[in-house]
């Protein structure tokens, strides 16, 4: 029996549980402060939220990244993947910040959908996964003598 894969997957699951716990603690602190003082440090908690749950997505894509790291070539970023999937995930990961922006009117039904903790967690995980898997090594192609 090969122990190395067991250790790797044990590390993955322990890391995921630790970052999930961190995310739950951040969420609890955020809501406690918001309900007690009717204000909160949204930027601070948003960054912690992305770091805690986004790291889970990055851990899920870590195996892909490790395979890419072994390849020979120049690191490249898949911009289309980040723009099409990553940016919307970032926007949906931070919907509570929309409540603070003056002059923006968001219909209640849309706000109820966006201000959902489950959606925020899922979008943060997707964001972390998209960021880590959008990095890849483009294999360098050698140009040999042209046969004319």
Protein backbone atom coordinates (compact mmCIF):
# COMPACT_ATOMS: atom_id res chain seq x y z
CA UNK A 1 0.00 0.00 0.00
CA UNK A 2 1.37 3.38 -1.02
CA UNK A 3 1.24 5.85 1.90
CA UNK A 4 2.04 9.01 -0.10
CA UNK A 5 -1.45 9.47 -1.67
CA UNK A 6 -3.05 8.85 1.73
CA UNK A 7 -0.97 11.61 3.31
CA UNK A 8 -1.75 13.98 0.45
CA UNK A 9 -5.50 13.46 0.66
CA UNK A 10 -5.42 13.59 4.46
CA UNK A 11 -3.66 16.95 4.15
CA UNK A 12 -6.34 18.12 1.69
CA UNK A 13 -9.25 17.17 3.92
CA UNK A 14 -7.68 18.56 7.10
CA UNK A 15 -6.91 21.83 5.27
CA UNK A 16 -10.46 22.03 3.93
CA UNK A 17 -11.89 21.50 7.42
CA UNK A 18 -9.55 24.13 8.90
CA UNK A 19 -10.45 26.74 6.29
CA UNK A 20 -14.15 25.89 6.62
CA UNK A 21 -13.88 26.45 10.36
CA UNK A 22 -12.08 29.75 9.73
CA UNK A 23 -14.83 30.79 7.33
CA UNK A 24 -17.52 29.93 9.86
CA UNK A 25 -15.73 31.94 12.56
CA UNK A 26 -15.36 34.93 10.23
CA UNK A 27 -19.05 34.74 9.33
CA UNK A 28 -20.05 34.52 12.98
CA UNK A 29 -17.87 37.51 13.94
CA UNK A 30 -19.18 39.49 10.99
CA UNK A 31 -22.84 38.98 11.88
CA UNK A 32 -22.25 39.50 15.61
CA UNK A 33 -20.57 42.83 14.97
CA UNK A 34 -23.15 43.86 12.38
CA UNK A 35 -26.15 43.08 14.59
CA UNK A 36 -24.62 44.60 17.71
CA UNK A 37 -23.32 47.85 16.23
CA UNK A 38 -25.25 48.01 12.92
CA UNK A 39 -21.93 48.49 11.22
CA UNK A 40 -19.09 46.30 10.21
CA UNK A 41 -15.73 46.37 8.51
CA UNK A 42 -17.06 44.94 5.26
CA UNK A 43 -13.78 45.10 3.38
CA UNK A 44 -11.91 43.32 6.17
CA UNK A 45 -14.48 40.54 6.47
CA UNK A 46 -14.86 40.23 2.71
CA UNK A 47 -11.14 39.66 2.31
CA UNK A 48 -11.13 37.09 5.15
CA UNK A 49 -14.18 35.42 3.60
CA UNK A 50 -12.46 35.12 0.23
CA UNK A 51 -9.24 33.89 1.83
CA UNK A 52 -10.97 31.26 3.98
CA UNK A 53 -13.41 29.83 1.44
CA UNK A 54 -11.38 30.72 -1.65
CA UNK A 55 -8.51 28.69 -0.25
CA UNK A 56 -10.79 25.64 -0.20
CA UNK A 57 -11.28 26.04 -3.96
CA UNK A 58 -7.55 26.48 -4.39
CA UNK A 59 -6.93 23.27 -2.44
CA UNK A 60 -9.38 21.45 -4.70
CA UNK A 61 -7.41 22.64 -7.74
CA UNK A 62 -4.02 22.06 -6.14
CA UNK A 63 -3.44 18.69 -7.79
CA UNK A 64 -3.93 20.26 -11.24
CA UNK A 65 -1.51 23.04 -10.31
CA UNK A 66 1.12 20.56 -9.11
CA UNK A 67 0.92 18.68 -12.42
CA UNK A 68 1.32 21.96 -14.32
CA UNK A 69 4.30 22.91 -12.16
CA UNK A 70 6.19 19.84 -13.37
CA UNK A 71 5.78 20.79 -17.04
CA UNK A 72 8.35 22.73 -18.96
CA UNK A 73 7.28 26.05 -20.38
CA UNK A 74 6.27 29.58 -19.58
CA UNK A 75 3.54 30.26 -17.02
CA UNK A 76 0.42 31.65 -18.64
CA UNK A 77 -2.92 32.85 -17.30
CA UNK A 78 -6.19 31.84 -18.94
CA UNK A 79 -7.71 35.32 -19.00
CA UNK A 80 -10.98 34.21 -20.61
CA UNK A 81 -11.59 31.72 -17.78
CA UNK A 82 -10.97 34.41 -15.17
CA UNK A 83 -13.18 36.98 -16.92
CA UNK A 84 -16.07 34.64 -17.77
CA UNK A 85 -16.18 32.59 -14.56
CA UNK A 86 -13.89 34.26 -12.00
CA UNK A 87 -15.19 37.85 -12.12
CA UNK A 88 -18.87 36.86 -11.77
CA UNK A 89 -17.89 34.55 -8.91
CA UNK A 90 -16.10 37.46 -7.25
CA UNK A 91 -19.14 39.69 -7.70
CA UNK A 92 -21.53 37.09 -6.28
CA UNK A 93 -19.09 36.30 -3.47
CA UNK A 94 -19.44 39.82 -2.07
CA UNK A 95 -23.13 40.76 -2.38
CA UNK A 96 -23.45 42.28 1.07
CA UNK A 97 -21.16 45.10 -0.02
CA UNK A 98 -23.87 46.14 -2.50
CA UNK A 99 -26.03 47.21 0.43
CA UNK A 100 -23.53 49.90 1.37
CA UNK A 101 -23.15 51.54 -2.01
CA UNK A 102 -25.30 54.63 -2.17
CA UNK A 103 -27.32 55.23 -5.27
CA UNK A 104 -27.56 51.59 -6.33
CA UNK A 105 -31.06 50.23 -6.26
CA UNK A 106 -31.27 46.46 -6.24
CA UNK A 107 -34.71 44.80 -6.34
CA UNK A 108 -35.55 42.86 -3.19
CA UNK A 109 -35.89 39.53 -4.97
CA UNK A 110 -32.41 39.85 -6.46
CA UNK A 111 -30.97 40.97 -3.11
CA UNK A 112 -32.52 37.93 -1.39
CA UNK A 113 -30.82 35.67 -3.92
CA UNK A 114 -27.48 37.46 -3.71
CA UNK A 115 -27.41 37.92 0.08
CA UNK A 116 -27.40 34.18 0.64
CA UNK A 117 -24.50 32.83 2.68
CA UNK A 118 -24.55 29.53 0.78
CA UNK A 119 -24.20 31.33 -2.55
CA UNK A 120 -21.35 33.40 -1.13
CA UNK A 121 -19.50 30.29 0.06
CA UNK A 122 -19.99 28.45 -3.23
CA UNK A 123 -18.86 31.47 -5.26
CA UNK A 124 -15.76 31.88 -3.09
CA UNK A 125 -14.86 28.21 -3.55
CA UNK A 126 -15.40 28.53 -7.31
CA UNK A 127 -13.28 31.70 -7.34
CA UNK A 128 -10.38 29.96 -5.61
CA UNK A 129 -10.63 26.98 -7.94
CA UNK A 130 -10.78 29.19 -11.05
CA UNK A 131 -7.77 31.22 -9.96
CA UNK A 132 -5.58 28.17 -9.33
CA UNK A 133 -6.68 26.29 -12.47
CA UNK A 134 -6.34 29.31 -14.76
CA UNK A 135 -2.59 29.15 -14.28
CA UNK A 136 -0.91 26.78 -16.69
CA UNK A 137 2.35 26.31 -18.51
CA UNK A 138 2.24 26.87 -22.23
CA UNK A 139 4.59 24.41 -23.82
CA UNK A 140 7.25 26.16 -25.79
CA UNK A 141 7.33 25.03 -29.37
CA UNK A 142 10.68 24.94 -31.03
CA UNK A 143 10.86 26.31 -34.51
CA UNK A 144 13.07 24.04 -36.59
CA UNK A 145 14.50 24.80 -39.97
CA UNK A 146 11.76 25.33 -42.49
CA UNK A 147 11.79 22.77 -45.25
CA UNK A 148 11.05 24.64 -48.40
